[in-house]
N, C-alpha and C. Protein backbone atom coordinates (compact mmCIF):
# COMPACT_ATOMS: atom_id res chain seq x y z
N MET A 1 -61.77 17.29 -29.94
CA MET A 1 -60.48 16.84 -30.10
C MET A 1 -59.73 17.04 -28.77
N PHE A 2 -59.95 18.17 -27.91
CA PHE A 2 -59.29 18.30 -26.70
C PHE A 2 -59.85 17.33 -25.64
N THR A 3 -61.13 16.99 -25.83
CA THR A 3 -61.76 16.16 -24.93
C THR A 3 -61.18 14.76 -24.82
N GLY A 4 -60.78 14.26 -26.08
CA GLY A 4 -60.14 12.96 -26.15
C GLY A 4 -58.80 12.92 -25.52
N ALA A 5 -58.01 14.05 -25.64
CA ALA A 5 -56.77 14.08 -24.91
C ALA A 5 -56.88 14.09 -23.44
N ILE A 6 -57.90 14.88 -22.96
CA ILE A 6 -58.15 15.03 -21.55
C ILE A 6 -58.61 13.71 -20.92
N ARG A 7 -59.36 12.92 -21.76
CA ARG A 7 -59.85 11.65 -21.19
C ARG A 7 -58.72 10.64 -21.13
N SER A 8 -57.82 10.68 -22.19
CA SER A 8 -56.74 9.72 -22.12
C SER A 8 -55.78 10.03 -20.98
N LEU A 9 -55.56 11.34 -20.63
CA LEU A 9 -54.71 11.68 -19.48
C LEU A 9 -55.43 11.27 -18.20
N ALA A 10 -56.61 11.43 -18.02
CA ALA A 10 -57.46 11.11 -16.94
C ALA A 10 -57.45 9.62 -16.71
N GLY A 11 -57.53 8.84 -17.83
CA GLY A 11 -57.40 7.38 -17.66
C GLY A 11 -56.21 6.91 -17.10
N ARG A 12 -55.07 7.63 -17.32
CA ARG A 12 -53.69 7.13 -16.80
C ARG A 12 -53.35 7.63 -15.44
N ARG A 13 -54.26 8.44 -14.82
CA ARG A 13 -53.99 8.89 -13.52
C ARG A 13 -53.64 7.80 -12.49
N GLY A 14 -54.20 6.67 -12.55
CA GLY A 14 -53.95 5.59 -11.59
C GLY A 14 -52.55 4.96 -11.82
N GLU A 15 -51.87 5.28 -12.89
CA GLU A 15 -50.60 4.54 -13.24
C GLU A 15 -49.40 5.45 -12.82
N ARG A 16 -49.55 6.47 -12.21
CA ARG A 16 -48.53 7.41 -11.73
C ARG A 16 -47.75 6.88 -10.57
N GLY A 17 -46.45 7.05 -10.49
CA GLY A 17 -45.62 6.71 -9.36
C GLY A 17 -44.98 5.36 -9.56
N PHE A 18 -44.33 4.81 -8.42
CA PHE A 18 -43.66 3.62 -8.47
C PHE A 18 -44.34 2.69 -7.52
N THR A 19 -44.23 1.40 -7.75
CA THR A 19 -44.72 0.32 -6.83
C THR A 19 -43.65 0.23 -5.69
N LEU A 20 -44.18 -0.40 -4.50
CA LEU A 20 -43.19 -0.74 -3.45
C LEU A 20 -42.14 -1.71 -3.96
N VAL A 21 -42.48 -2.62 -4.75
CA VAL A 21 -41.45 -3.53 -5.23
C VAL A 21 -40.40 -2.87 -6.01
N GLU A 22 -40.80 -1.88 -6.83
CA GLU A 22 -39.84 -1.19 -7.66
C GLU A 22 -38.97 -0.38 -6.79
N LEU A 23 -39.38 0.28 -5.74
CA LEU A 23 -38.59 1.11 -4.89
C LEU A 23 -37.62 0.15 -4.04
N LEU A 24 -38.15 -1.08 -3.70
CA LEU A 24 -37.18 -1.91 -2.92
C LEU A 24 -36.07 -2.41 -3.89
N ILE A 25 -36.41 -2.68 -5.07
CA ILE A 25 -35.33 -3.08 -6.01
C ILE A 25 -34.28 -1.95 -6.21
N VAL A 26 -34.76 -0.83 -6.36
CA VAL A 26 -33.72 0.28 -6.50
C VAL A 26 -32.91 0.47 -5.27
N ILE A 27 -33.51 0.40 -4.09
CA ILE A 27 -32.83 0.43 -2.84
C ILE A 27 -31.79 -0.69 -2.73
N LEU A 28 -32.10 -1.87 -3.10
CA LEU A 28 -31.31 -2.96 -3.07
C LEU A 28 -30.10 -2.77 -3.95
N ILE A 29 -30.28 -2.31 -5.17
CA ILE A 29 -29.19 -2.07 -6.14
C ILE A 29 -28.26 -1.04 -5.62
N VAL A 30 -28.78 0.15 -5.12
CA VAL A 30 -27.95 1.23 -4.52
C VAL A 30 -27.18 0.59 -3.37
N GLY A 31 -27.72 -0.20 -2.45
CA GLY A 31 -26.99 -0.79 -1.33
C GLY A 31 -25.83 -1.67 -1.86
N ILE A 32 -26.11 -2.55 -2.79
CA ILE A 32 -25.00 -3.26 -3.36
C ILE A 32 -23.93 -2.43 -3.97
N LEU A 33 -24.26 -1.40 -4.69
CA LEU A 33 -23.20 -0.55 -5.21
C LEU A 33 -22.48 0.11 -4.15
N ALA A 34 -23.11 0.60 -3.06
CA ALA A 34 -22.36 1.25 -1.98
C ALA A 34 -21.47 0.18 -1.16
N ALA A 35 -21.92 -1.01 -1.06
CA ALA A 35 -21.08 -2.05 -0.40
C ALA A 35 -19.85 -2.33 -1.02
N VAL A 36 -19.88 -2.19 -2.44
CA VAL A 36 -18.68 -2.39 -3.26
C VAL A 36 -17.82 -1.15 -3.34
N ALA A 37 -18.49 0.02 -3.42
CA ALA A 37 -17.73 1.25 -3.74
C ALA A 37 -17.04 1.72 -2.41
N VAL A 38 -17.65 1.67 -1.23
CA VAL A 38 -17.07 2.19 -0.07
C VAL A 38 -15.66 1.59 0.28
N PRO A 39 -15.53 0.41 0.29
CA PRO A 39 -14.09 -0.24 0.56
C PRO A 39 -13.13 0.14 -0.40
N LEU A 40 -13.64 0.31 -1.77
CA LEU A 40 -12.54 0.75 -2.79
C LEU A 40 -12.15 2.17 -2.46
N TYR A 41 -13.11 2.98 -2.14
CA TYR A 41 -12.75 4.43 -1.89
C TYR A 41 -11.80 4.54 -0.72
N LEU A 42 -12.07 3.76 0.43
CA LEU A 42 -11.15 3.78 1.54
C LEU A 42 -9.79 3.33 1.19
N GLY A 43 -9.69 2.26 0.34
CA GLY A 43 -8.36 1.81 -0.20
C GLY A 43 -7.70 2.90 -0.92
N TYR A 44 -8.45 3.55 -1.85
CA TYR A 44 -7.86 4.57 -2.65
C TYR A 44 -7.27 5.77 -1.79
N THR A 45 -8.05 6.20 -0.72
CA THR A 45 -7.54 7.28 0.11
C THR A 45 -6.33 6.85 0.96
N LYS A 46 -6.23 5.66 1.39
CA LYS A 46 -5.04 5.14 2.10
C LYS A 46 -3.91 5.10 1.17
N ASP A 47 -4.12 4.62 -0.09
CA ASP A 47 -3.01 4.75 -1.00
C ASP A 47 -2.50 6.04 -1.28
N ALA A 48 -3.42 7.06 -1.37
CA ALA A 48 -3.04 8.41 -1.54
C ALA A 48 -2.30 8.99 -0.49
N LYS A 49 -2.70 8.63 0.76
CA LYS A 49 -1.91 9.14 1.96
C LYS A 49 -0.56 8.51 2.07
N SER A 50 -0.37 7.18 1.67
CA SER A 50 0.94 6.55 1.52
C SER A 50 1.73 7.23 0.54
N ALA A 51 1.25 7.71 -0.52
CA ALA A 51 1.88 8.34 -1.61
C ALA A 51 2.49 9.62 -1.12
N GLU A 52 1.77 10.36 -0.24
CA GLU A 52 2.29 11.60 0.37
C GLU A 52 3.57 11.31 1.13
N GLY A 53 3.52 10.19 1.93
CA GLY A 53 4.62 9.82 2.77
C GLY A 53 5.79 9.42 2.01
N LYS A 54 5.57 8.73 0.90
CA LYS A 54 6.72 8.29 -0.04
C LYS A 54 7.30 9.48 -0.55
N ALA A 55 6.43 10.44 -1.05
CA ALA A 55 6.95 11.69 -1.65
C ALA A 55 7.93 12.47 -0.67
N LEU A 56 7.46 12.54 0.62
CA LEU A 56 8.32 13.14 1.62
C LEU A 56 9.56 12.45 1.87
N ALA A 57 9.55 11.09 1.85
CA ALA A 57 10.79 10.24 2.04
C ALA A 57 11.67 10.50 0.83
N GLY A 58 11.12 10.53 -0.26
CA GLY A 58 11.87 10.80 -1.49
C GLY A 58 12.51 12.12 -1.62
N SER A 59 11.76 13.19 -1.06
CA SER A 59 12.34 14.46 -1.02
C SER A 59 13.60 14.53 0.03
N ALA A 60 13.35 13.87 1.19
CA ALA A 60 14.48 13.69 2.12
C ALA A 60 15.63 13.11 1.53
N MET A 61 15.42 11.97 0.77
CA MET A 61 16.50 11.24 0.09
C MET A 61 17.28 12.07 -0.81
N THR A 62 16.59 12.83 -1.62
CA THR A 62 17.31 13.65 -2.66
C THR A 62 18.17 14.67 -1.86
N ALA A 63 17.52 15.39 -0.84
CA ALA A 63 18.20 16.42 -0.07
C ALA A 63 19.44 15.86 0.63
N LEU A 64 19.30 14.63 1.08
CA LEU A 64 20.50 14.05 1.88
C LEU A 64 21.51 13.68 0.72
N GLN A 65 21.25 13.23 -0.35
CA GLN A 65 22.17 12.86 -1.40
C GLN A 65 23.02 14.14 -1.81
N GLY A 66 22.23 15.30 -1.99
CA GLY A 66 22.93 16.51 -2.28
C GLY A 66 23.82 16.97 -1.19
N CYS A 67 23.41 16.76 0.05
CA CYS A 67 24.21 17.20 1.15
C CYS A 67 25.50 16.33 1.34
N VAL A 68 25.38 15.05 1.17
CA VAL A 68 26.59 14.24 1.44
C VAL A 68 27.59 14.34 0.20
N GLN A 69 26.95 14.63 -0.97
CA GLN A 69 27.92 14.81 -2.10
C GLN A 69 28.65 16.16 -1.96
N SER A 70 28.08 17.20 -1.37
CA SER A 70 28.79 18.37 -1.17
C SER A 70 29.87 18.27 -0.07
N LYS A 71 29.65 17.31 0.89
CA LYS A 71 30.67 17.10 1.95
C LYS A 71 31.80 16.16 1.43
N GLY A 72 31.50 15.48 0.37
CA GLY A 72 32.69 14.66 -0.25
C GLY A 72 32.61 13.17 0.48
N ALA A 73 33.54 12.33 -0.02
CA ALA A 73 33.69 11.00 0.38
C ALA A 73 33.74 10.95 1.85
N GLY A 74 32.97 10.00 2.43
CA GLY A 74 32.98 9.79 3.88
C GLY A 74 32.01 10.71 4.56
N GLY A 75 31.44 11.61 3.89
CA GLY A 75 30.43 12.59 4.48
C GLY A 75 29.24 11.98 4.95
N THR A 76 28.63 12.57 5.97
CA THR A 76 27.42 12.05 6.63
C THR A 76 26.51 13.28 6.76
N CYS A 77 25.18 13.17 6.44
CA CYS A 77 24.17 14.21 6.72
C CYS A 77 23.06 13.70 7.45
N ALA A 78 22.31 14.49 8.25
CA ALA A 78 21.13 13.98 8.98
C ALA A 78 20.05 14.93 8.84
N ARG A 79 18.95 14.75 9.43
CA ARG A 79 17.63 15.53 9.29
C ARG A 79 17.91 16.94 9.57
N GLY A 80 18.77 17.36 10.54
CA GLY A 80 18.92 18.72 10.81
C GLY A 80 19.62 19.41 9.72
N ASP A 81 20.42 18.78 8.93
CA ASP A 81 21.15 19.38 7.77
C ASP A 81 20.23 19.73 6.61
N ILE A 82 19.04 18.94 6.52
CA ILE A 82 18.31 19.19 5.35
C ILE A 82 16.79 19.64 5.71
N ALA A 83 16.58 19.96 6.99
CA ALA A 83 15.14 20.26 7.45
C ALA A 83 14.54 21.36 6.65
N GLY A 84 15.28 22.51 6.40
CA GLY A 84 14.75 23.61 5.70
C GLY A 84 14.46 23.24 4.13
N ARG A 85 15.34 22.26 3.74
CA ARG A 85 15.10 21.95 2.23
C ARG A 85 13.86 21.12 2.00
N ILE A 86 13.43 20.35 2.89
CA ILE A 86 12.36 19.50 2.72
C ILE A 86 11.05 19.92 3.45
N GLY A 87 11.11 21.05 4.20
CA GLY A 87 9.99 21.60 4.87
C GLY A 87 9.54 21.08 6.12
N VAL A 88 10.48 20.63 6.89
CA VAL A 88 10.16 20.13 8.17
C VAL A 88 10.87 20.81 9.29
N SER A 89 10.31 20.78 10.54
CA SER A 89 11.10 21.34 11.65
C SER A 89 12.36 20.58 11.92
N SER A 90 13.37 21.45 12.18
CA SER A 90 14.66 20.70 12.42
C SER A 90 14.59 20.08 13.91
N GLY A 91 13.82 20.60 14.79
CA GLY A 91 13.68 19.93 16.05
C GLY A 91 12.93 18.74 16.09
N THR A 92 11.58 18.80 15.65
CA THR A 92 10.66 17.73 15.75
C THR A 92 10.62 16.91 14.55
N GLY A 93 10.93 17.44 13.32
CA GLY A 93 10.78 16.60 12.11
C GLY A 93 9.43 16.78 11.45
N PHE A 94 8.46 17.53 12.11
CA PHE A 94 7.10 17.56 11.54
C PHE A 94 7.06 18.51 10.43
N THR A 95 6.08 18.27 9.51
CA THR A 95 5.87 19.18 8.42
C THR A 95 5.03 20.30 8.91
N GLY A 96 4.88 21.39 8.11
CA GLY A 96 4.23 22.60 8.61
C GLY A 96 2.72 22.45 8.94
N ASP A 97 2.09 21.35 8.31
CA ASP A 97 0.70 21.10 8.60
C ASP A 97 0.65 20.02 9.67
N ASN A 98 1.74 19.53 10.21
CA ASN A 98 1.68 18.53 11.33
C ASN A 98 0.95 17.29 10.99
N ARG A 99 1.03 16.92 9.60
CA ARG A 99 0.42 15.61 9.17
C ARG A 99 1.52 14.57 9.11
N TRP A 100 2.72 14.91 8.75
CA TRP A 100 3.79 14.02 8.64
C TRP A 100 5.01 14.33 9.53
N ALA A 101 5.84 13.42 9.72
CA ALA A 101 7.11 13.66 10.43
C ALA A 101 8.21 12.85 9.80
N VAL A 102 9.42 13.39 9.74
CA VAL A 102 10.49 12.67 9.32
C VAL A 102 11.27 12.27 10.63
N GLY A 103 11.24 11.06 11.04
CA GLY A 103 11.84 10.64 12.23
C GLY A 103 13.36 10.56 12.11
N THR A 104 13.75 9.51 11.50
CA THR A 104 15.28 9.40 11.22
C THR A 104 15.61 9.73 9.82
N ALA A 105 16.64 10.43 9.56
CA ALA A 105 17.05 10.69 8.22
C ALA A 105 18.66 10.88 8.22
N THR A 106 19.28 9.83 7.86
CA THR A 106 20.81 9.90 7.86
C THR A 106 21.18 9.21 6.52
N LEU A 107 22.30 9.73 6.00
CA LEU A 107 22.83 9.21 4.83
C LEU A 107 24.33 9.40 4.87
N THR A 108 25.10 8.37 4.42
CA THR A 108 26.46 8.45 4.43
C THR A 108 27.04 7.97 3.04
N VAL A 109 27.95 8.68 2.48
CA VAL A 109 28.59 8.23 1.25
C VAL A 109 29.96 7.64 1.59
N THR A 110 30.23 6.42 0.97
CA THR A 110 31.42 5.86 1.20
C THR A 110 32.68 6.49 0.56
N THR A 111 33.85 5.99 1.01
CA THR A 111 35.11 6.61 0.40
C THR A 111 35.66 5.72 -0.65
N ALA A 112 34.86 4.67 -1.07
CA ALA A 112 35.26 3.73 -2.06
C ALA A 112 35.39 4.37 -3.45
N THR A 113 36.06 3.78 -4.39
CA THR A 113 36.30 4.36 -5.75
C THR A 113 34.93 4.64 -6.39
N VAL A 114 33.99 3.58 -6.24
CA VAL A 114 32.64 3.88 -6.70
C VAL A 114 31.82 4.15 -5.42
N PRO A 115 31.60 5.46 -5.20
CA PRO A 115 30.83 5.75 -3.93
C PRO A 115 29.45 5.21 -3.85
N THR A 116 29.10 4.83 -2.70
CA THR A 116 27.71 4.28 -2.50
C THR A 116 27.12 5.01 -1.33
N PHE A 117 25.85 5.00 -1.23
CA PHE A 117 25.11 5.62 -0.09
C PHE A 117 24.60 4.51 0.92
N SER A 118 24.60 4.85 2.11
CA SER A 118 23.93 3.89 3.11
C SER A 118 23.37 4.84 4.12
N GLY A 119 22.22 4.35 4.76
CA GLY A 119 21.54 5.17 5.75
C GLY A 119 20.12 4.69 5.82
N THR A 120 19.34 5.51 6.60
CA THR A 120 17.89 5.15 6.89
C THR A 120 17.16 6.44 6.85
N ILE A 121 15.93 6.43 6.24
CA ILE A 121 14.94 7.47 6.27
C ILE A 121 13.69 6.97 6.70
N ASN A 122 13.08 7.45 7.84
CA ASN A 122 11.86 7.06 8.38
C ASN A 122 10.79 8.20 8.33
N VAL A 123 9.63 7.97 7.81
CA VAL A 123 8.56 8.89 7.78
C VAL A 123 7.35 8.35 8.39
N PHE A 124 6.67 9.00 9.22
CA PHE A 124 5.42 8.49 9.85
C PHE A 124 4.39 9.59 9.91
N GLY A 125 3.11 9.12 9.90
CA GLY A 125 2.06 10.10 10.00
C GLY A 125 1.85 10.57 11.43
N SER A 126 1.02 11.70 11.59
CA SER A 126 0.78 12.26 12.90
C SER A 126 -0.44 11.60 13.44
N THR A 127 -0.32 11.28 14.80
CA THR A 127 -1.48 10.69 15.49
C THR A 127 -2.71 11.61 15.45
N THR A 128 -2.49 12.81 15.23
CA THR A 128 -3.77 13.76 15.29
C THR A 128 -4.33 14.17 13.88
N ALA A 129 -3.64 13.47 12.89
CA ALA A 129 -4.10 13.82 11.53
C ALA A 129 -4.66 12.55 10.79
N ASP A 130 -5.22 12.72 9.63
CA ASP A 130 -5.67 11.58 8.93
C ASP A 130 -4.58 10.60 8.32
N THR A 131 -3.35 10.85 8.67
CA THR A 131 -2.27 10.04 8.32
C THR A 131 -1.82 9.02 9.44
N ASN A 132 -2.64 9.05 10.45
CA ASN A 132 -2.32 8.08 11.56
C ASN A 132 -2.15 6.71 11.16
N LEU A 133 -1.20 6.00 11.69
CA LEU A 133 -0.95 4.58 11.43
C LEU A 133 -0.33 4.28 10.07
N ILE A 134 0.42 5.30 9.49
CA ILE A 134 0.97 5.14 8.26
C ILE A 134 2.47 5.44 8.51
N ALA A 135 3.38 4.52 8.26
CA ALA A 135 4.79 4.69 8.41
C ALA A 135 5.57 4.10 7.16
N ILE A 136 6.64 4.70 6.78
CA ILE A 136 7.39 4.48 5.61
C ILE A 136 8.88 4.45 5.96
N SER A 137 9.65 3.46 5.53
CA SER A 137 11.00 3.56 5.78
C SER A 137 11.73 3.40 4.38
N MET A 138 12.89 4.12 4.20
CA MET A 138 13.69 3.96 2.95
C MET A 138 15.05 3.57 3.50
N PHE A 139 15.74 2.57 2.72
CA PHE A 139 17.02 2.14 3.20
C PHE A 139 17.87 2.14 1.97
N PRO A 140 18.67 3.25 1.67
CA PRO A 140 19.55 3.20 0.57
C PRO A 140 20.68 2.24 0.82
N THR A 141 20.94 1.35 -0.26
CA THR A 141 21.96 0.39 -0.21
C THR A 141 22.94 0.65 -1.39
N SER A 142 23.94 -0.29 -1.47
CA SER A 142 24.79 -0.16 -2.71
C SER A 142 24.19 -0.70 -3.95
N THR A 143 23.08 -1.42 -3.78
CA THR A 143 22.35 -1.90 -4.97
C THR A 143 21.12 -1.21 -5.32
N GLY A 144 20.68 -0.35 -4.53
CA GLY A 144 19.34 0.46 -4.66
C GLY A 144 18.77 0.87 -3.34
N VAL A 145 17.43 1.08 -3.41
CA VAL A 145 16.75 1.55 -2.22
C VAL A 145 15.71 0.51 -1.87
N ILE A 146 15.64 0.08 -0.69
CA ILE A 146 14.56 -0.79 -0.10
C ILE A 146 13.62 0.12 0.43
N LEU A 147 12.37 -0.02 0.12
CA LEU A 147 11.19 0.71 0.54
C LEU A 147 10.18 -0.18 1.32
N ARG A 148 10.01 0.17 2.60
CA ARG A 148 9.06 -0.68 3.36
C ARG A 148 7.86 0.27 3.98
N CYS A 149 6.70 -0.30 4.03
CA CYS A 149 5.62 0.50 4.47
C CYS A 149 4.81 -0.30 5.55
N THR A 150 4.05 0.41 6.40
CA THR A 150 3.03 -0.17 7.25
C THR A 150 1.86 0.68 7.34
N THR A 151 0.60 0.17 7.46
CA THR A 151 -0.55 0.92 7.62
C THR A 151 -1.31 0.49 8.84
N THR A 152 -0.53 0.05 9.85
CA THR A 152 -1.09 -0.56 10.99
C THR A 152 -0.36 0.06 12.20
N SER A 153 0.67 0.82 12.07
CA SER A 153 1.44 1.29 13.19
C SER A 153 2.25 2.59 12.85
N LEU A 154 2.62 3.28 13.75
CA LEU A 154 3.40 4.53 13.60
C LEU A 154 4.95 4.19 13.67
N THR A 155 5.22 2.91 14.00
CA THR A 155 6.59 2.55 14.15
C THR A 155 6.96 2.21 12.69
N PRO A 156 8.14 2.81 12.13
CA PRO A 156 8.54 2.66 10.84
C PRO A 156 9.06 1.21 10.69
N PRO A 157 8.77 0.53 9.67
CA PRO A 157 9.30 -0.89 9.56
C PRO A 157 10.78 -1.03 9.46
N GLY A 158 11.37 -2.06 9.79
CA GLY A 158 12.82 -2.28 9.61
C GLY A 158 13.12 -2.74 8.19
N SER A 159 14.35 -3.02 7.88
CA SER A 159 14.70 -3.26 6.37
C SER A 159 14.06 -4.52 5.86
N THR A 160 13.74 -5.50 6.68
CA THR A 160 13.10 -6.66 6.21
C THR A 160 11.68 -6.92 6.73
N THR A 161 11.21 -6.06 7.59
CA THR A 161 9.88 -6.20 8.03
C THR A 161 8.98 -5.19 7.28
N GLY A 162 7.72 -5.40 7.42
CA GLY A 162 6.67 -4.47 6.77
C GLY A 162 6.50 -4.92 5.31
N GLU A 163 5.47 -4.32 4.75
CA GLU A 163 5.14 -4.75 3.39
C GLU A 163 5.98 -3.85 2.34
N ALA A 164 6.33 -4.53 1.29
CA ALA A 164 6.96 -3.76 0.25
C ALA A 164 5.94 -2.83 -0.33
N CYS A 165 6.38 -1.58 -0.72
CA CYS A 165 5.47 -0.57 -1.17
C CYS A 165 6.00 0.10 -2.42
């Protein structure tokens, strides 16, 4: 009884392993998957870094709104007034980890009966960090906020230039 099992195993000894064609097909499939996955991954990481910058700009906007509202109609606040609230240096505007900087951050509330905000908030990545070449601009207006981004320059886009984000 055991000799039959041993003979059947011994007969299959030549069938072990993969052929060269099978290995090449697997390598080809893995290469195709990598060619598709790597650009998608790089796009996701760039989007995540842009989201960090947008969050910092949003924090600056919220802090500026609180500042100008406390000053009253006609009040103006700048980066120096809110640096401690958003976690940036009042002198350079860089975050504690030096990955992002708030360049310009000003906001004014009008003296009109229905007060509106106007100003500019610019956030850009550090040249020495993985956020290099990412810049975001927020432009509060009487009708809302215009948000512009660039992923090719550290110069924050103007109100009509740059891609909408």
